[in-house]
Amino acid sequence: MTSLTFSNFLSYRAFSNPAYKLLPPEILTLRIKAFYFIDIEAANAPKEPLKGQSVVTLIVGDKQIQNVSALPLKKCSKVFFEKLEVPTVTHLHFGNLDPVYVEIILAYIFGKDSFNEFLKHNPNDKKLQEYAEKFQIDELMMLLTRRHVHA
C-alpha cells in the first residue's frame, strides 16, 4: 500500500479564513478516492502458527469442551493464566467441578448472552460466586459482589 504526502496542502480553515480571502466559507469540498489491492496468493498462503497454544480442550468431569480460545482465558483468570503458561498444554483437566458452572464461567469470559440470562434468573447464585473465586476471575467476583449487595 502506498501513501501520498501533500507537502504544501492548505487546510480548509486556511481556505475559508476571511483574512486570506481565498474562498468564501462552506464552498470547499474535499473528496478522497482510495484504491487498494489484495494479494490473493498471500491471503490464502498458510499462516505461521501462533506462539503457544491458540485453543485448548477443557475436561470437566466426564465432559469435554473443545476448541476454547486460550488467550481470553489467560487474560481474565489467574488460574488459567498459570495453567496455560506452558505453550505445550492442550488439555486442562478439572475433574471435580460442575460442567454447567464451568460453561457459565466460559460464557462470561467470552461475553455470551447465556451468561446474562443465567444471572437474570439466578442473581445471587452462591455456586457461581464460588467458581469465580476458584478460577480467580477478579472482575466477575466484583460483579457478583455488587449484584449481591444490590439485590
C-alpha atoms as a PDB file:
ATOM      1  CA  MET A   1       0.000   0.000   0.000  1.00  0.00           C
ATOM      2  CA  THR A   2       1.300   3.457  -0.868  1.00  0.00           C
ATOM      3  CA  SER A   3       0.540   6.675   0.948  1.00  0.00           C
ATOM      4  CA  LEU A   4       0.529  10.104  -0.627  1.00  0.00           C
ATOM      5  CA  THR A   5       2.049  13.133   1.038  1.00  0.00           C
ATOM      6  CA  PHE A   6       0.975  16.671   0.232  1.00  0.00           C
ATOM      7  CA  SER A   7       3.787  18.892   1.406  1.00  0.00           C
ATOM      8  CA  ASN A   8       2.045  22.225   0.722  1.00  0.00           C
ATOM      9  CA  PHE A   9      -1.533  21.213   1.387  1.00  0.00           C
ATOM     10  CA  LEU A  10      -3.671  24.043   2.793  1.00  0.00           C
ATOM     11  CA  SER A  11      -6.299  23.212   5.357  1.00  0.00           C
ATOM     12  CA  TYR A  12      -9.978  24.007   4.984  1.00  0.00           C
ATOM     13  CA  ARG A  13      -9.565  26.662   7.692  1.00  0.00           C
ATOM     14  CA  ALA A  14      -6.887  28.402   5.665  1.00  0.00           C
ATOM     15  CA  PHE A  15      -9.035  28.345   2.513  1.00  0.00           C
ATOM     16  CA  SER A  16     -12.148  29.664   4.257  1.00  0.00           C
ATOM     17  CA  ASN A  17     -10.405  32.150   6.555  1.00  0.00           C
ATOM     18  CA  PRO A  18     -11.650  35.655   5.587  1.00  0.00           C
ATOM     19  CA  ALA A  19      -8.197  37.088   6.333  1.00  0.00           C
ATOM     20  CA  TYR A  20      -6.712  35.178   3.381  1.00  0.00           C
ATOM     21  CA  LYS A  21      -9.647  35.876   1.006  1.00  0.00           C
ATOM     22  CA  LEU A  22      -9.117  32.561  -0.790  1.00  0.00           C
ATOM     23  CA  LEU A  23     -12.644  31.081  -0.718  1.00  0.00           C
ATOM     24  CA  PRO A  24     -15.909  32.047   0.886  1.00  0.00           C
ATOM     25  CA  PRO A  25     -16.928  29.749   3.800  1.00  0.00           C
ATOM     26  CA  GLU A  26     -18.702  26.453   3.029  1.00  0.00           C
ATOM     27  CA  ILE A  27     -17.589  26.282  -0.618  1.00  0.00           C
ATOM     28  CA  LEU A  28     -14.691  23.830  -0.482  1.00  0.00           C
ATOM     29  CA  THR A  29     -15.459  20.118  -0.686  1.00  0.00           C
ATOM     30  CA  LEU A  30     -12.610  17.679  -0.384  1.00  0.00           C
ATOM     31  CA  ARG A  31     -13.121  14.163  -1.724  1.00  0.00           C
ATOM     32  CA  ILE A  32     -10.649  11.361  -1.368  1.00  0.00           C
ATOM     33  CA  LYS A  33     -10.690   8.259  -3.511  1.00  0.00           C
ATOM     34  CA  ALA A  34      -8.711   5.299  -2.206  1.00  0.00           C
ATOM     35  CA  PHE A  35      -7.630   2.272  -4.182  1.00  0.00           C
ATOM     36  CA  TYR A  36      -6.211  -0.846  -2.625  1.00  0.00           C
ATOM     37  CA  PHE A  37      -5.186  -4.181  -3.965  1.00  0.00           C
ATOM     38  CA  ILE A  38      -5.426  -7.560  -2.307  1.00  0.00           C
ATOM     39  CA  ASP A  39      -2.813 -10.191  -2.969  1.00  0.00           C
ATOM     40  CA  ILE A  40      -4.978 -13.323  -3.194  1.00  0.00           C
ATOM     41  CA  GLU A  41      -1.995 -15.670  -3.060  1.00  0.00           C
ATOM     42  CA  ALA A  42      -0.652 -14.039   0.110  1.00  0.00           C
ATOM     43  CA  ALA A  43      -4.117 -14.065   1.707  1.00  0.00           C
ATOM     44  CA  ASN A  44      -4.533 -17.786   1.024  1.00  0.00           C
ATOM     45  CA  ALA A  45      -0.976 -18.758   1.995  1.00  0.00           C
ATOM     46  CA  PRO A  46      -0.590 -20.882   5.143  1.00  0.00           C
ATOM     47  CA  LYS A  47      -0.278 -18.762   8.253  1.00  0.00           C
ATOM     48  CA  GLU A  48       2.536 -19.160  10.744  1.00  0.00           C
ATOM     49  CA  PRO A  49       1.303 -20.832  13.919  1.00  0.00           C
ATOM     50  CA  LEU A  50       0.844 -18.592  16.913  1.00  0.00           C
ATOM     51  CA  LYS A  51       3.446 -18.809  19.624  1.00  0.00           C
ATOM     52  CA  GLY A  52       1.959 -21.059  22.236  1.00  0.00           C
ATOM     53  CA  GLN A  53      -1.437 -22.667  22.026  1.00  0.00           C
ATOM     54  CA  SER A  54      -4.361 -20.859  20.458  1.00  0.00           C
ATOM     55  CA  VAL A  55      -7.078 -23.270  21.597  1.00  0.00           C
ATOM     56  CA  VAL A  56      -7.373 -25.760  24.426  1.00  0.00           C
ATOM     57  CA  THR A  57      -9.721 -28.530  25.433  1.00  0.00           C
ATOM     58  CA  LEU A  58     -11.221 -28.330  28.918  1.00  0.00           C
ATOM     59  CA  ILE A  59     -12.102 -31.640  30.504  1.00  0.00           C
ATOM     60  CA  VAL A  60     -14.604 -31.110  33.295  1.00  0.00           C
ATOM     61  CA  GLY A  61     -15.796 -34.268  34.964  1.00  0.00           C
ATOM     62  CA  ASP A  62     -16.779 -36.528  32.072  1.00  0.00           C
ATOM     63  CA  LYS A  63     -17.457 -33.667  29.642  1.00  0.00           C
ATOM     64  CA  GLN A  64     -15.012 -32.245  27.085  1.00  0.00           C
ATOM     65  CA  ILE A  65     -15.300 -28.617  25.992  1.00  0.00           C
ATOM     66  CA  GLN A  66     -13.197 -28.406  22.848  1.00  0.00           C
ATOM     67  CA  ASN A  67     -11.650 -25.537  20.899  1.00  0.00           C
ATOM     68  CA  VAL A  68     -11.742 -22.962  23.675  1.00  0.00           C
ATOM     69  CA  SER A  69      -9.666 -19.925  22.762  1.00  0.00           C
ATOM     70  CA  ALA A  70      -6.733 -19.769  25.187  1.00  0.00           C
ATOM     71  CA  LEU A  71      -5.931 -16.054  25.099  1.00  0.00           C
ATOM     72  CA  PRO A  72      -9.191 -14.773  26.656  1.00  0.00           C
ATOM     73  CA  LEU A  73      -8.889 -17.441  29.345  1.00  0.00           C
ATOM     74  CA  LYS A  74      -5.366 -16.312  30.196  1.00  0.00           C
ATOM     75  CA  LYS A  75      -6.336 -12.638  30.207  1.00  0.00           C
ATOM     76  CA  CYS A  76      -9.141 -12.817  32.735  1.00  0.00           C
ATOM     77  CA  SER A  77      -8.320 -15.729  35.033  1.00  0.00           C
ATOM     78  CA  LYS A  78      -5.237 -16.111  37.182  1.00  0.00           C
ATOM     79  CA  VAL A  79      -5.778 -19.875  37.331  1.00  0.00           C
ATOM     80  CA  PHE A  80      -5.980 -20.225  33.551  1.00  0.00           C
ATOM     81  CA  PHE A  81      -3.008 -17.897  33.122  1.00  0.00           C
ATOM     82  CA  GLU A  82      -0.848 -20.089  35.354  1.00  0.00           C
ATOM     83  CA  LYS A  83      -2.030 -23.350  33.783  1.00  0.00           C
ATOM     84  CA  LEU A  84      -1.584 -22.098  30.222  1.00  0.00           C
ATOM     85  CA  GLU A  85       1.875 -20.579  30.705  1.00  0.00           C
ATOM     86  CA  VAL A  86       3.424 -23.730  29.259  1.00  0.00           C
ATOM     87  CA  PRO A  87       2.861 -23.482  25.491  1.00  0.00           C
ATOM     88  CA  THR A  88       2.580 -27.240  25.018  1.00  0.00           C
ATOM     89  CA  VAL A  89      -0.542 -27.560  27.187  1.00  0.00           C
ATOM     90  CA  THR A  90      -3.502 -28.554  25.020  1.00  0.00           C
ATOM     91  CA  HIS A  91      -5.860 -30.059  27.629  1.00  0.00           C
ATOM     92  CA  LEU A  92      -6.855 -28.833  31.074  1.00  0.00           C
ATOM     93  CA  HIS A  93      -8.479 -31.300  33.473  1.00  0.00           C
ATOM     94  CA  PHE A  94     -10.949 -30.133  36.115  1.00  0.00           C
ATOM     95  CA  GLY A  95     -12.317 -33.438  37.354  1.00  0.00           C
ATOM     96  CA  ASN A  96     -14.215 -32.288  40.413  1.00  0.00           C
ATOM     97  CA  LEU A  97     -16.034 -29.244  39.002  1.00  0.00           C
ATOM     98  CA  ASP A  98     -19.589 -28.990  37.698  1.00  0.00           C
ATOM     99  CA  PRO A  99     -19.504 -28.650  33.863  1.00  0.00           C
ATOM    100  CA  VAL A 100     -22.630 -26.462  33.900  1.00  0.00           C
ATOM    101  CA  TYR A 101     -20.893 -23.821  36.019  1.00  0.00           C
ATOM    102  CA  VAL A 102     -17.679 -24.036  34.009  1.00  0.00           C
ATOM    103  CA  GLU A 103     -19.734 -23.326  30.871  1.00  0.00           C
ATOM    104  CA  ILE A 104     -21.367 -20.347  32.624  1.00  0.00           C
ATOM    105  CA  ILE A 105     -17.892 -19.055  33.520  1.00  0.00           C
ATOM    106  CA  LEU A 106     -16.853 -19.526  29.866  1.00  0.00           C
ATOM    107  CA  ALA A 107     -19.978 -17.654  28.755  1.00  0.00           C
ATOM    108  CA  TYR A 108     -18.878 -14.770  30.996  1.00  0.00           C
ATOM    109  CA  ILE A 109     -15.303 -14.834  29.661  1.00  0.00           C
ATOM    110  CA  PHE A 110     -16.445 -14.866  26.037  1.00  0.00           C
ATOM    111  CA  GLY A 111     -19.263 -12.347  26.531  1.00  0.00           C
ATOM    112  CA  LYS A 112     -22.121 -14.663  25.559  1.00  0.00           C
ATOM    113  CA  ASP A 113     -25.769 -13.813  26.200  1.00  0.00           C
ATOM    114  CA  SER A 114     -26.266 -17.085  28.070  1.00  0.00           C
ATOM    115  CA  PHE A 115     -24.258 -15.641  30.975  1.00  0.00           C
ATOM    116  CA  ASN A 116     -26.611 -12.656  31.320  1.00  0.00           C
ATOM    117  CA  GLU A 117     -29.631 -14.959  31.034  1.00  0.00           C
ATOM    118  CA  PHE A 118     -28.279 -17.139  33.842  1.00  0.00           C
ATOM    119  CA  LEU A 119     -27.577 -14.085  36.002  1.00  0.00           C
ATOM    120  CA  LYS A 120     -31.059 -12.711  35.383  1.00  0.00           C
ATOM    121  CA  HIS A 121     -32.661 -15.953  36.592  1.00  0.00           C
ATOM    122  CA  ASN A 122     -30.106 -16.641  39.377  1.00  0.00           C
ATOM    123  CA  PRO A 123     -28.969 -13.223  40.653  1.00  0.00           C
ATOM    124  CA  ASN A 124     -27.349 -14.461  43.882  1.00  0.00           C
ATOM    125  CA  ASP A 125     -26.071 -17.878  42.902  1.00  0.00           C
ATOM    126  CA  LYS A 126     -23.537 -18.884  45.560  1.00  0.00           C
ATOM    127  CA  LYS A 127     -22.018 -21.629  43.418  1.00  0.00           C
ATOM    128  CA  LEU A 128     -21.244 -19.136  40.626  1.00  0.00           C
ATOM    129  CA  GLN A 129     -19.508 -16.914  43.187  1.00  0.00           C
ATOM    130  CA  GLU A 130     -17.552 -19.951  44.401  1.00  0.00           C
ATOM    131  CA  TYR A 131     -16.450 -20.771  40.838  1.00  0.00           C
ATOM    132  CA  ALA A 132     -15.426 -17.164  40.185  1.00  0.00           C
ATOM    133  CA  GLU A 133     -13.197 -17.414  43.273  1.00  0.00           C
ATOM    134  CA  LYS A 134     -11.810 -20.825  42.242  1.00  0.00           C
ATOM    135  CA  PHE A 135     -10.808 -19.510  38.825  1.00  0.00           C
ATOM    136  CA  GLN A 136      -9.650 -16.220  40.384  1.00  0.00           C
ATOM    137  CA  ILE A 137     -11.600 -14.014  37.989  1.00  0.00           C
ATOM    138  CA  ASP A 138     -11.457 -10.683  39.818  1.00  0.00           C
ATOM    139  CA  GLU A 139     -13.852  -8.776  37.544  1.00  0.00           C
ATOM    140  CA  LEU A 140     -16.522 -11.453  37.829  1.00  0.00           C
ATOM    141  CA  MET A 141     -16.126 -11.599  41.608  1.00  0.00           C
ATOM    142  CA  MET A 142     -16.624  -7.820  41.799  1.00  0.00           C
ATOM    143  CA  LEU A 143     -19.670  -8.007  39.502  1.00  0.00           C
ATOM    144  CA  LEU A 144     -21.279 -10.736  41.591  1.00  0.00           C
ATOM    145  CA  THR A 145     -20.497  -8.933  44.858  1.00  0.00           C
ATOM    146  CA  ARG A 146     -22.144  -5.725  43.581  1.00  0.00           C
ATOM    147  CA  ARG A 147     -25.197  -7.637  42.372  1.00  0.00           C
ATOM    148  CA  HIS A 148     -25.477  -9.449  45.704  1.00  0.00           C
ATOM    149  CA  VAL A 149     -25.344  -6.196  47.647  1.00  0.00           C
ATOM    150  CA  HIS A 150     -27.978  -4.507  45.451  1.00  0.00           C
ATOM    151  CA  ALA A 151     -30.284  -7.499  45.135  1.00  0.00           C
END
